[in-house]
């Protein structure tokens, strides 16, 4: 959580993320010192992080993180990302690491502009179940961060339980030298 209406999450090196957190805290404190009733919005944090990551890359000392900035201010939601070389973009869905290959297609298929919070959480849990079932060395608990007009809220840890009772596991047989599975 950064400020009242912005959240930054990351994948990658944890020590580098701690450094990014210290940069964000310095920026937030500098903004609060003015006491002018105006605070940085999510897009400004996003742009700042893009400049930080680009600057570190140019010094040949990149911060090895992929960052997602989510926020809500003045009735508008914001979702943007920054990679380790400072590339930034905004979209309606985001994923990092392995999730860009597996979860993004699921998110694109299930996402609607008019989704309510419960539908969005169900879609997110479906994606996390699929990701966890393909990478069982990952930790099976997640926190869901919600950013809306009320502010930023972080859920209690939720355990991801993938479904292993796929009907196709029991109804297939390998036929000779063929390279495909066929129904019995």
N, C-alpha and C. Protein backbone atom coordinates (compact mmCIF):
# COMPACT_ATOMS: atom_id res chain seq x y z
N UNK A 1 0.85 -1.18 0.00
CA UNK A 1 0.00 0.00 0.00
C UNK A 1 0.89 1.24 0.00
N UNK A 2 0.59 2.13 -0.91
CA UNK A 2 1.31 3.40 -1.00
C UNK A 2 0.27 4.51 -0.97
N UNK A 3 0.22 5.28 0.06
CA UNK A 3 -0.81 6.29 0.17
C UNK A 3 -2.16 5.64 0.45
N UNK A 4 -3.21 6.40 0.27
CA UNK A 4 -4.55 5.90 0.60
C UNK A 4 -5.23 5.15 -0.53
N UNK A 5 -4.86 5.41 -1.78
CA UNK A 5 -5.59 4.84 -2.90
C UNK A 5 -4.70 4.17 -3.94
N UNK A 6 -3.51 3.73 -3.53
CA UNK A 6 -2.58 3.09 -4.46
C UNK A 6 -1.95 1.88 -3.81
N UNK A 7 -1.78 0.84 -4.61
CA UNK A 7 -1.08 -0.36 -4.16
C UNK A 7 -0.04 -0.73 -5.21
N UNK A 8 1.13 -1.16 -4.76
CA UNK A 8 2.19 -1.62 -5.65
C UNK A 8 2.54 -3.04 -5.25
N UNK A 9 2.47 -3.95 -6.20
CA UNK A 9 2.87 -5.34 -5.96
C UNK A 9 3.99 -5.68 -6.93
N UNK A 10 4.78 -6.69 -6.56
CA UNK A 10 5.95 -6.99 -7.38
C UNK A 10 6.23 -8.48 -7.42
N UNK A 11 6.89 -8.88 -8.49
CA UNK A 11 7.51 -10.20 -8.55
C UNK A 11 8.98 -9.95 -8.82
N UNK A 12 9.81 -10.90 -8.46
CA UNK A 12 11.24 -10.74 -8.68
C UNK A 12 12.01 -10.76 -7.38
N UNK A 13 13.11 -10.05 -7.35
CA UNK A 13 14.02 -10.05 -6.22
C UNK A 13 13.44 -9.28 -5.03
N UNK A 14 13.37 -9.94 -3.87
CA UNK A 14 12.74 -9.32 -2.71
C UNK A 14 13.57 -8.15 -2.17
N UNK A 15 14.88 -8.28 -2.14
CA UNK A 15 15.73 -7.18 -1.65
C UNK A 15 15.56 -5.94 -2.53
N UNK A 16 15.47 -6.14 -3.83
CA UNK A 16 15.24 -5.01 -4.73
C UNK A 16 13.87 -4.39 -4.49
N UNK A 17 12.87 -5.22 -4.20
CA UNK A 17 11.54 -4.68 -3.90
C UNK A 17 11.57 -3.86 -2.61
N UNK A 18 12.34 -4.29 -1.62
CA UNK A 18 12.47 -3.50 -0.40
C UNK A 18 13.08 -2.14 -0.70
N UNK A 19 14.03 -2.08 -1.61
CA UNK A 19 14.63 -0.81 -2.02
C UNK A 19 13.57 0.07 -2.69
N UNK A 20 12.76 -0.54 -3.55
CA UNK A 20 11.67 0.20 -4.21
C UNK A 20 10.69 0.73 -3.17
N UNK A 21 10.38 -0.09 -2.16
CA UNK A 21 9.49 0.36 -1.08
C UNK A 21 10.07 1.58 -0.37
N UNK A 22 11.37 1.59 -0.15
CA UNK A 22 11.99 2.75 0.51
C UNK A 22 11.90 3.99 -0.38
N UNK A 23 12.09 3.83 -1.69
CA UNK A 23 11.92 4.97 -2.62
C UNK A 23 10.49 5.51 -2.55
N UNK A 24 9.51 4.59 -2.55
CA UNK A 24 8.11 5.01 -2.52
C UNK A 24 7.76 5.70 -1.20
N UNK A 25 8.31 5.21 -0.10
CA UNK A 25 8.05 5.83 1.20
C UNK A 25 8.65 7.23 1.25
N UNK A 26 9.85 7.41 0.71
CA UNK A 26 10.46 8.74 0.64
C UNK A 26 9.59 9.69 -0.18
N UNK A 27 9.08 9.21 -1.30
CA UNK A 27 8.23 10.03 -2.16
C UNK A 27 6.93 10.39 -1.45
N UNK A 28 6.33 9.43 -0.76
CA UNK A 28 5.08 9.68 -0.04
C UNK A 28 5.29 10.70 1.08
N UNK A 29 6.37 10.54 1.84
CA UNK A 29 6.66 11.48 2.93
C UNK A 29 6.90 12.88 2.37
N UNK A 30 7.67 12.98 1.28
CA UNK A 30 7.92 14.29 0.66
C UNK A 30 6.61 14.92 0.21
N UNK A 31 5.69 14.12 -0.30
CA UNK A 31 4.38 14.63 -0.72
C UNK A 31 3.56 15.09 0.48
N UNK A 32 3.61 14.33 1.58
CA UNK A 32 2.83 14.67 2.78
C UNK A 32 3.34 15.94 3.46
N UNK A 33 4.62 16.23 3.32
CA UNK A 33 5.20 17.40 3.99
C UNK A 33 4.52 18.70 3.55
N UNK A 34 4.06 18.74 2.31
CA UNK A 34 3.43 19.96 1.80
C UNK A 34 2.11 20.27 2.50
N UNK A 35 1.42 19.27 3.01
CA UNK A 35 0.14 19.44 3.70
C UNK A 35 -0.82 20.36 2.93
N UNK A 36 -0.91 20.12 1.63
CA UNK A 36 -1.77 20.95 0.79
C UNK A 36 -3.09 20.28 0.43
N UNK A 37 -3.33 19.10 0.99
CA UNK A 37 -4.57 18.39 0.71
C UNK A 37 -4.57 17.66 -0.62
N UNK A 38 -3.48 17.73 -1.34
CA UNK A 38 -3.35 17.05 -2.62
C UNK A 38 -2.33 15.93 -2.47
N UNK A 39 -2.72 14.75 -2.90
CA UNK A 39 -1.78 13.62 -2.81
C UNK A 39 -1.52 13.07 -4.21
N UNK A 40 -0.41 12.37 -4.33
CA UNK A 40 -0.07 11.76 -5.61
C UNK A 40 -1.12 10.73 -6.00
N UNK A 41 -1.44 10.68 -7.28
CA UNK A 41 -2.40 9.67 -7.73
C UNK A 41 -1.65 8.45 -8.26
N UNK A 42 -2.35 7.35 -8.49
CA UNK A 42 -1.69 6.11 -8.93
C UNK A 42 -0.86 6.26 -10.20
N UNK A 43 -1.34 7.05 -11.15
CA UNK A 43 -0.58 7.20 -12.40
C UNK A 43 0.74 7.92 -12.15
N UNK A 44 0.78 8.81 -11.16
CA UNK A 44 2.04 9.50 -10.84
C UNK A 44 3.04 8.55 -10.19
N UNK A 45 2.57 7.67 -9.32
CA UNK A 45 3.46 6.64 -8.76
C UNK A 45 3.98 5.73 -9.87
N UNK A 46 3.11 5.40 -10.81
CA UNK A 46 3.47 4.55 -11.94
C UNK A 46 4.58 5.20 -12.77
N UNK A 47 4.40 6.47 -13.10
CA UNK A 47 5.41 7.19 -13.88
C UNK A 47 6.73 7.30 -13.11
N UNK A 48 6.63 7.57 -11.82
CA UNK A 48 7.83 7.66 -10.98
C UNK A 48 8.60 6.35 -10.99
N UNK A 49 7.90 5.24 -10.82
CA UNK A 49 8.57 3.94 -10.82
C UNK A 49 9.19 3.63 -12.18
N UNK A 50 8.54 4.03 -13.25
CA UNK A 50 9.13 3.85 -14.57
C UNK A 50 10.45 4.58 -14.70
N UNK A 51 10.51 5.82 -14.18
CA UNK A 51 11.75 6.60 -14.23
C UNK A 51 12.83 5.97 -13.34
N UNK A 52 12.44 5.49 -12.16
CA UNK A 52 13.40 4.84 -11.25
C UNK A 52 14.00 3.61 -11.92
N UNK A 53 13.15 2.76 -12.48
CA UNK A 53 13.63 1.52 -13.09
C UNK A 53 14.50 1.82 -14.32
N UNK A 54 14.12 2.82 -15.11
CA UNK A 54 14.91 3.20 -16.29
C UNK A 54 16.27 3.76 -15.87
N UNK A 55 16.27 4.59 -14.84
CA UNK A 55 17.51 5.18 -14.34
C UNK A 55 18.46 4.10 -13.82
N UNK A 56 17.93 3.15 -13.08
CA UNK A 56 18.79 2.07 -12.55
C UNK A 56 19.32 1.20 -13.69
N UNK A 57 18.53 0.98 -14.70
CA UNK A 57 19.00 0.21 -15.85
C UNK A 57 20.15 0.93 -16.53
N UNK A 58 20.03 2.24 -16.71
CA UNK A 58 21.08 3.01 -17.36
C UNK A 58 22.38 3.03 -16.57
N UNK A 59 22.28 2.82 -15.27
CA UNK A 59 23.48 2.74 -14.43
C UNK A 59 24.05 1.32 -14.40
N UNK A 60 23.48 0.43 -15.20
CA UNK A 60 23.88 -0.98 -15.25
C UNK A 60 23.71 -1.66 -13.89
N UNK A 61 22.71 -1.21 -13.14
CA UNK A 61 22.40 -1.79 -11.83
C UNK A 61 20.88 -1.87 -11.69
N UNK A 62 20.23 -2.67 -12.55
CA UNK A 62 18.75 -2.69 -12.54
C UNK A 62 18.20 -3.31 -11.26
N UNK A 63 17.00 -2.89 -10.94
CA UNK A 63 16.24 -3.53 -9.87
C UNK A 63 15.46 -4.67 -10.54
N UNK A 64 15.69 -5.89 -10.12
CA UNK A 64 15.15 -7.07 -10.80
C UNK A 64 13.73 -7.36 -10.33
N UNK A 65 12.81 -6.50 -10.77
CA UNK A 65 11.41 -6.65 -10.39
C UNK A 65 10.50 -6.32 -11.56
N UNK A 66 9.32 -6.88 -11.50
CA UNK A 66 8.21 -6.51 -12.37
C UNK A 66 7.16 -5.95 -11.43
N UNK A 67 6.75 -4.71 -11.62
CA UNK A 67 5.86 -4.03 -10.70
C UNK A 67 4.49 -3.81 -11.33
N UNK A 68 3.46 -3.98 -10.52
CA UNK A 68 2.10 -3.66 -10.93
C UNK A 68 1.59 -2.58 -9.98
N UNK A 69 1.11 -1.49 -10.54
CA UNK A 69 0.57 -0.37 -9.77
C UNK A 69 -0.93 -0.34 -10.01
N UNK A 70 -1.69 -0.44 -8.92
CA UNK A 70 -3.16 -0.38 -9.01
C UNK A 70 -3.64 0.75 -8.12
N UNK A 71 -4.64 1.46 -8.58
CA UNK A 71 -5.14 2.56 -7.77
C UNK A 71 -6.51 3.03 -8.21
N UNK A 72 -7.04 3.94 -7.39
CA UNK A 72 -8.35 4.52 -7.66
C UNK A 72 -8.33 5.94 -7.12
N UNK A 73 -8.63 6.90 -7.97
CA UNK A 73 -8.68 8.28 -7.51
C UNK A 73 -9.60 9.08 -8.42
N UNK A 74 -10.36 9.97 -7.82
CA UNK A 74 -11.28 10.85 -8.55
C UNK A 74 -12.24 10.06 -9.45
N UNK A 75 -12.73 8.93 -8.94
CA UNK A 75 -13.70 8.14 -9.68
C UNK A 75 -13.14 7.31 -10.80
N UNK A 76 -11.82 7.24 -10.93
CA UNK A 76 -11.21 6.49 -12.02
C UNK A 76 -10.25 5.44 -11.46
N UNK A 77 -10.33 4.25 -12.04
CA UNK A 77 -9.40 3.19 -11.64
C UNK A 77 -8.16 3.26 -12.52
N UNK A 78 -7.07 2.71 -12.00
CA UNK A 78 -5.80 2.72 -12.72
C UNK A 78 -5.11 1.38 -12.53
N UNK A 79 -4.55 0.84 -13.60
CA UNK A 79 -3.76 -0.39 -13.54
C UNK A 79 -2.62 -0.27 -14.54
N UNK A 80 -1.40 -0.29 -14.05
CA UNK A 80 -0.24 -0.17 -14.92
C UNK A 80 0.89 -1.04 -14.42
N UNK A 81 1.87 -1.28 -15.28
CA UNK A 81 3.02 -2.09 -14.86
C UNK A 81 4.31 -1.43 -15.30
N UNK A 82 5.39 -1.86 -14.63
CA UNK A 82 6.73 -1.39 -14.93
C UNK A 82 7.64 -2.60 -14.88
N UNK A 83 8.48 -2.78 -15.90
CA UNK A 83 9.41 -3.91 -15.86
C UNK A 83 10.80 -3.45 -15.43
N UNK A 84 11.75 -4.36 -15.39
CA UNK A 84 13.07 -4.04 -14.85
C UNK A 84 13.87 -3.07 -15.69
N UNK A 85 13.50 -2.84 -16.93
CA UNK A 85 14.22 -1.86 -17.76
C UNK A 85 13.49 -0.52 -17.85
N UNK A 86 12.37 -0.39 -17.16
CA UNK A 86 11.64 0.87 -17.13
C UNK A 86 10.52 1.00 -18.14
N UNK A 87 10.21 -0.08 -18.85
CA UNK A 87 9.09 -0.05 -19.79
C UNK A 87 7.79 0.01 -18.99
N UNK A 88 6.90 0.91 -19.36
CA UNK A 88 5.63 1.05 -18.66
C UNK A 88 4.48 0.91 -19.64
N UNK A 89 3.38 0.37 -19.16
CA UNK A 89 2.15 0.39 -19.94
C UNK A 89 0.96 0.21 -19.01
N UNK A 90 -0.20 0.53 -19.51
CA UNK A 90 -1.45 0.41 -18.76
C UNK A 90 -2.37 -0.54 -19.52
N UNK A 91 -3.17 -1.29 -18.77
CA UNK A 91 -4.12 -2.23 -19.37
C UNK A 91 -5.21 -2.51 -18.35
N UNK A 92 -6.22 -3.25 -18.76
CA UNK A 92 -7.30 -3.61 -17.83
C UNK A 92 -7.00 -4.89 -17.07
N UNK A 93 -6.00 -5.67 -17.52
CA UNK A 93 -5.57 -6.87 -16.81
C UNK A 93 -4.04 -6.90 -16.77
N UNK A 94 -3.50 -7.52 -15.74
CA UNK A 94 -2.04 -7.62 -15.59
C UNK A 94 -1.69 -8.96 -14.97
N UNK A 95 -0.52 -9.45 -15.32
CA UNK A 95 0.06 -10.63 -14.67
C UNK A 95 1.56 -10.52 -14.83
N UNK A 96 2.28 -11.23 -13.98
CA UNK A 96 3.74 -11.20 -14.10
C UNK A 96 4.28 -12.62 -14.10
N UNK A 97 5.52 -12.74 -14.54
CA UNK A 97 6.19 -14.03 -14.54
C UNK A 97 5.44 -15.07 -15.35
N UNK A 98 5.29 -16.25 -14.76
CA UNK A 98 4.61 -17.36 -15.40
C UNK A 98 3.15 -17.02 -15.71
N UNK A 99 2.58 -16.12 -14.92
CA UNK A 99 1.20 -15.70 -15.12
C UNK A 99 0.94 -15.03 -16.45
N UNK A 100 1.98 -14.41 -17.05
CA UNK A 100 1.78 -13.78 -18.35
C UNK A 100 1.48 -14.81 -19.43
N UNK A 101 1.98 -16.03 -19.25
CA UNK A 101 1.75 -17.09 -20.22
C UNK A 101 0.45 -17.86 -19.94
N UNK A 102 0.16 -18.10 -18.68
CA UNK A 102 -0.96 -18.96 -18.31
C UNK A 102 -2.20 -18.15 -17.92
N UNK A 103 -2.05 -17.14 -17.08
CA UNK A 103 -3.21 -16.43 -16.53
C UNK A 103 -3.79 -15.38 -17.47
N UNK A 104 -2.96 -14.71 -18.24
CA UNK A 104 -3.48 -13.63 -19.10
C UNK A 104 -4.55 -14.13 -20.07
N UNK A 105 -4.37 -15.27 -20.75
CA UNK A 105 -5.46 -15.75 -21.61
C UNK A 105 -6.75 -16.03 -20.83
N UNK A 106 -6.62 -16.58 -19.63
CA UNK A 106 -7.81 -16.83 -18.80
C UNK A 106 -8.46 -15.52 -18.38
N UNK A 107 -7.65 -14.54 -18.03
CA UNK A 107 -8.19 -13.24 -17.63
C UNK A 107 -8.89 -12.56 -18.81
N UNK A 108 -8.28 -12.62 -19.99
CA UNK A 108 -8.90 -12.00 -21.17
C UNK A 108 -10.24 -12.65 -21.50
N UNK A 109 -10.30 -13.97 -21.31
CA UNK A 109 -11.54 -14.69 -21.60
C UNK A 109 -12.63 -14.37 -20.58
N UNK A 110 -12.27 -14.24 -19.31
CA UNK A 110 -13.27 -14.06 -18.26
C UNK A 110 -13.56 -12.63 -17.86
N UNK A 111 -12.72 -11.68 -18.27
CA UNK A 111 -12.87 -10.29 -17.84
C UNK A 111 -14.00 -9.58 -18.57
N UNK A 112 -14.76 -8.79 -17.79
CA UNK A 112 -15.79 -7.90 -18.33
C UNK A 112 -15.66 -6.56 -17.62
N UNK A 113 -15.95 -5.49 -18.30
CA UNK A 113 -15.88 -4.15 -17.69
C UNK A 113 -16.84 -4.00 -16.51
N UNK A 114 -17.98 -4.69 -16.57
CA UNK A 114 -19.00 -4.51 -15.54
C UNK A 114 -18.95 -5.59 -14.45
N UNK A 115 -17.81 -6.23 -14.26
CA UNK A 115 -17.68 -7.27 -13.23
C UNK A 115 -17.82 -6.65 -11.84
N UNK A 116 -18.48 -7.40 -10.94
CA UNK A 116 -18.49 -6.95 -9.55
C UNK A 116 -17.28 -7.55 -8.83
N UNK A 117 -17.08 -7.16 -7.60
CA UNK A 117 -15.89 -7.59 -6.86
C UNK A 117 -15.84 -9.10 -6.65
N UNK A 118 -16.97 -9.70 -6.39
CA UNK A 118 -17.01 -11.16 -6.16
C UNK A 118 -16.66 -11.93 -7.43
N UNK A 119 -17.18 -11.50 -8.57
CA UNK A 119 -16.84 -12.15 -9.84
C UNK A 119 -15.35 -12.01 -10.15
N UNK A 120 -14.80 -10.84 -9.86
CA UNK A 120 -13.37 -10.61 -10.11
C UNK A 120 -12.52 -11.52 -9.22
N UNK A 121 -12.91 -11.67 -7.96
CA UNK A 121 -12.16 -12.56 -7.05
C UNK A 121 -12.25 -14.01 -7.51
N UNK A 122 -13.44 -14.43 -7.97
CA UNK A 122 -13.59 -15.80 -8.47
C UNK A 122 -12.69 -16.04 -9.69
N UNK A 123 -12.63 -15.08 -10.60
CA UNK A 123 -11.77 -15.20 -11.77
C UNK A 123 -10.30 -15.26 -11.35
N UNK A 124 -9.92 -14.42 -10.41
CA UNK A 124 -8.55 -14.42 -9.92
C UNK A 124 -8.19 -15.75 -9.27
N UNK A 125 -9.09 -16.28 -8.45
CA UNK A 125 -8.83 -17.58 -7.80
C UNK A 125 -8.73 -18.70 -8.82
N UNK A 126 -9.55 -18.66 -9.86
CA UNK A 126 -9.44 -19.66 -10.93
C UNK A 126 -8.06 -19.61 -11.57
N UNK A 127 -7.60 -18.41 -11.88
CA UNK A 127 -6.26 -18.25 -12.48
C UNK A 127 -5.18 -18.75 -11.54
N UNK A 128 -5.29 -18.43 -10.27
CA UNK A 128 -4.26 -18.85 -9.31
C UNK A 128 -4.26 -20.37 -9.11
N UNK A 129 -5.43 -21.00 -9.18
CA UNK A 129 -5.49 -22.46 -9.09
C UNK A 129 -4.77 -23.10 -10.27
N UNK A 130 -5.01 -22.57 -11.46
CA UNK A 130 -4.34 -23.10 -12.65
C UNK A 130 -2.84 -22.89 -12.55
N UNK A 131 -2.42 -21.70 -12.12
CA UNK A 131 -0.99 -21.43 -11.99
C UNK A 131 -0.34 -22.34 -10.94
N UNK A 132 -1.01 -22.50 -9.81
CA UNK A 132 -0.44 -23.34 -8.75
C UNK A 132 -0.36 -24.80 -9.18
N UNK A 133 -1.35 -25.27 -9.91
CA UNK A 133 -1.33 -26.67 -10.35
C UNK A 133 -0.21 -26.93 -11.35
N UNK A 134 0.30 -25.90 -11.99
CA UNK A 134 1.40 -26.04 -12.94
C UNK A 134 2.76 -25.71 -12.33
N UNK A 135 2.75 -25.17 -11.12
CA UNK A 135 4.00 -24.86 -10.42
C UNK A 135 3.79 -25.15 -8.94
N UNK A 136 3.81 -26.41 -8.58
CA UNK A 136 3.50 -26.80 -7.21
C UNK A 136 4.61 -26.47 -6.23
N UNK A 137 5.74 -25.95 -6.69
CA UNK A 137 6.77 -25.51 -5.76
C UNK A 137 6.45 -24.12 -5.22
N UNK A 138 5.47 -23.46 -5.81
CA UNK A 138 5.06 -22.13 -5.35
C UNK A 138 4.29 -22.26 -4.04
N UNK A 139 4.24 -21.17 -3.29
CA UNK A 139 3.49 -21.15 -2.04
C UNK A 139 2.01 -21.12 -2.37
N UNK A 140 1.20 -21.86 -1.63
CA UNK A 140 -0.21 -22.02 -1.97
C UNK A 140 -1.14 -21.02 -1.28
N UNK A 141 -0.61 -19.95 -0.73
CA UNK A 141 -1.45 -18.92 -0.12
C UNK A 141 -1.25 -17.60 -0.85
N UNK A 142 -2.35 -16.89 -1.05
CA UNK A 142 -2.29 -15.58 -1.70
C UNK A 142 -3.05 -14.56 -0.86
N UNK A 143 -2.71 -13.31 -1.05
CA UNK A 143 -3.47 -12.19 -0.50
C UNK A 143 -4.08 -11.47 -1.68
N UNK A 144 -5.32 -11.09 -1.55
CA UNK A 144 -5.99 -10.34 -2.62
C UNK A 144 -6.10 -8.89 -2.18
N UNK A 145 -5.55 -8.00 -3.00
CA UNK A 145 -5.60 -6.57 -2.73
C UNK A 145 -6.72 -5.96 -3.57
N UNK A 146 -7.60 -5.24 -2.91
CA UNK A 146 -8.71 -4.57 -3.59
C UNK A 146 -8.50 -3.07 -3.47
N UNK A 147 -8.59 -2.38 -4.59
CA UNK A 147 -8.45 -0.93 -4.61
C UNK A 147 -9.71 -0.36 -5.23
N UNK A 148 -10.43 0.45 -4.46
CA UNK A 148 -11.65 1.08 -4.96
C UNK A 148 -11.82 2.45 -4.31
N UNK A 149 -13.00 3.05 -4.47
CA UNK A 149 -13.22 4.39 -3.93
C UNK A 149 -13.09 4.46 -2.42
N UNK A 150 -13.17 3.32 -1.73
CA UNK A 150 -13.01 3.29 -0.27
C UNK A 150 -11.55 3.24 0.15
N UNK A 151 -10.67 2.94 -0.78
CA UNK A 151 -9.25 2.85 -0.46
C UNK A 151 -8.69 1.49 -0.81
N UNK A 152 -7.58 1.14 -0.17
CA UNK A 152 -6.88 -0.11 -0.42
C UNK A 152 -7.17 -1.06 0.73
N UNK A 153 -7.57 -2.29 0.40
CA UNK A 153 -7.75 -3.31 1.43
C UNK A 153 -7.04 -4.59 0.98
N UNK A 154 -6.40 -5.24 1.93
CA UNK A 154 -5.67 -6.47 1.66
C UNK A 154 -6.32 -7.58 2.46
N UNK A 155 -6.70 -8.66 1.77
CA UNK A 155 -7.42 -9.76 2.41
C UNK A 155 -6.50 -10.56 3.32
N UNK A 156 -7.12 -11.36 4.16
CA UNK A 156 -6.38 -12.37 4.91
C UNK A 156 -5.88 -13.39 3.90
N UNK A 157 -4.82 -14.13 4.22
CA UNK A 157 -4.32 -15.14 3.28
C UNK A 157 -5.40 -16.15 2.89
N UNK A 158 -5.45 -16.46 1.60
CA UNK A 158 -6.40 -17.43 1.06
C UNK A 158 -5.60 -18.59 0.50
N UNK A 159 -5.95 -19.80 0.90
CA UNK A 159 -5.24 -20.98 0.41
C UNK A 159 -5.82 -21.39 -0.94
N UNK A 160 -4.95 -21.58 -1.91
CA UNK A 160 -5.34 -21.98 -3.27
C UNK A 160 -5.40 -23.50 -3.30
N UNK A 161 -6.54 -24.03 -3.67
CA UNK A 161 -6.74 -25.48 -3.74
C UNK A 161 -7.09 -25.88 -5.16
N UNK A 162 -6.11 -26.34 -5.94
CA UNK A 162 -6.42 -26.74 -7.32
C UNK A 162 -7.26 -28.02 -7.36
N UNK A 163 -7.97 -28.19 -8.46
CA UNK A 163 -8.80 -29.38 -8.67
C UNK A 163 -7.97 -30.45 -9.37
N UNK A 164 -7.81 -31.59 -8.73
CA UNK A 164 -7.05 -32.69 -9.32
C UNK A 164 -7.96 -33.80 -9.83
N UNK A 165 -9.27 -33.63 -9.74
CA UNK A 165 -10.22 -34.66 -10.14
C UNK A 165 -10.70 -34.46 -11.57
N UNK A 166 -9.80 -34.15 -12.47
CA UNK A 166 -10.14 -33.94 -13.87
C UNK A 166 -10.56 -35.27 -14.50
N UNK A 167 -11.73 -35.31 -15.10
CA UNK A 167 -12.29 -36.54 -15.63
C UNK A 167 -11.38 -37.18 -16.68
N UNK A 168 -10.70 -36.38 -17.46
CA UNK A 168 -9.84 -36.90 -18.51
C UNK A 168 -8.67 -37.72 -18.00
N UNK A 169 -8.27 -37.54 -16.75
CA UNK A 169 -7.16 -38.31 -16.20
C UNK A 169 -7.49 -39.79 -16.16
N UNK A 170 -8.74 -40.14 -15.91
CA UNK A 170 -9.13 -41.54 -15.79
C UNK A 170 -9.65 -42.15 -17.08
N UNK A 171 -9.96 -41.35 -18.08
CA UNK A 171 -10.58 -41.85 -19.30
C UNK A 171 -9.67 -41.79 -20.52
N UNK A 172 -8.39 -41.90 -20.32
CA UNK A 172 -7.48 -41.84 -21.46
C UNK A 172 -6.56 -43.05 -21.46
N UNK A 173 -6.09 -43.39 -22.62
CA UNK A 173 -5.12 -44.49 -22.77
C UNK A 173 -4.14 -44.10 -23.86
N UNK A 174 -2.93 -44.56 -23.72
CA UNK A 174 -1.91 -44.28 -24.72
C UNK A 174 -1.94 -45.41 -25.73
N UNK A 175 -2.03 -45.06 -27.02
CA UNK A 175 -2.13 -46.09 -28.06
C UNK A 175 -0.80 -46.22 -28.80
N UNK A 176 -0.10 -47.30 -28.52
CA UNK A 176 1.10 -47.67 -29.27
C UNK A 176 2.11 -46.56 -29.46
N UNK A 177 2.51 -46.36 -30.72
CA UNK A 177 3.54 -45.39 -31.04
C UNK A 177 2.97 -44.02 -31.39
N UNK A 178 1.66 -43.88 -31.31
CA UNK A 178 1.05 -42.59 -31.63
C UNK A 178 1.42 -41.57 -30.56
N UNK A 179 1.39 -40.33 -30.94
CA UNK A 179 1.80 -39.28 -30.01
C UNK A 179 0.62 -38.53 -29.42
N UNK A 180 -0.53 -39.16 -29.34
CA UNK A 180 -1.67 -38.48 -28.77
C UNK A 180 -2.42 -39.42 -27.83
N UNK A 181 -3.14 -38.82 -26.93
CA UNK A 181 -3.97 -39.57 -26.00
C UNK A 181 -5.35 -39.71 -26.63
N UNK A 182 -5.97 -40.85 -26.43
CA UNK A 182 -7.29 -41.08 -27.02
C UNK A 182 -8.25 -41.57 -25.94
N UNK A 183 -9.50 -41.22 -26.10
CA UNK A 183 -10.52 -41.68 -25.13
C UNK A 183 -10.74 -43.17 -25.28
N UNK A 184 -10.94 -43.83 -24.17
CA UNK A 184 -11.22 -45.28 -24.19
C UNK A 184 -12.68 -45.53 -24.50
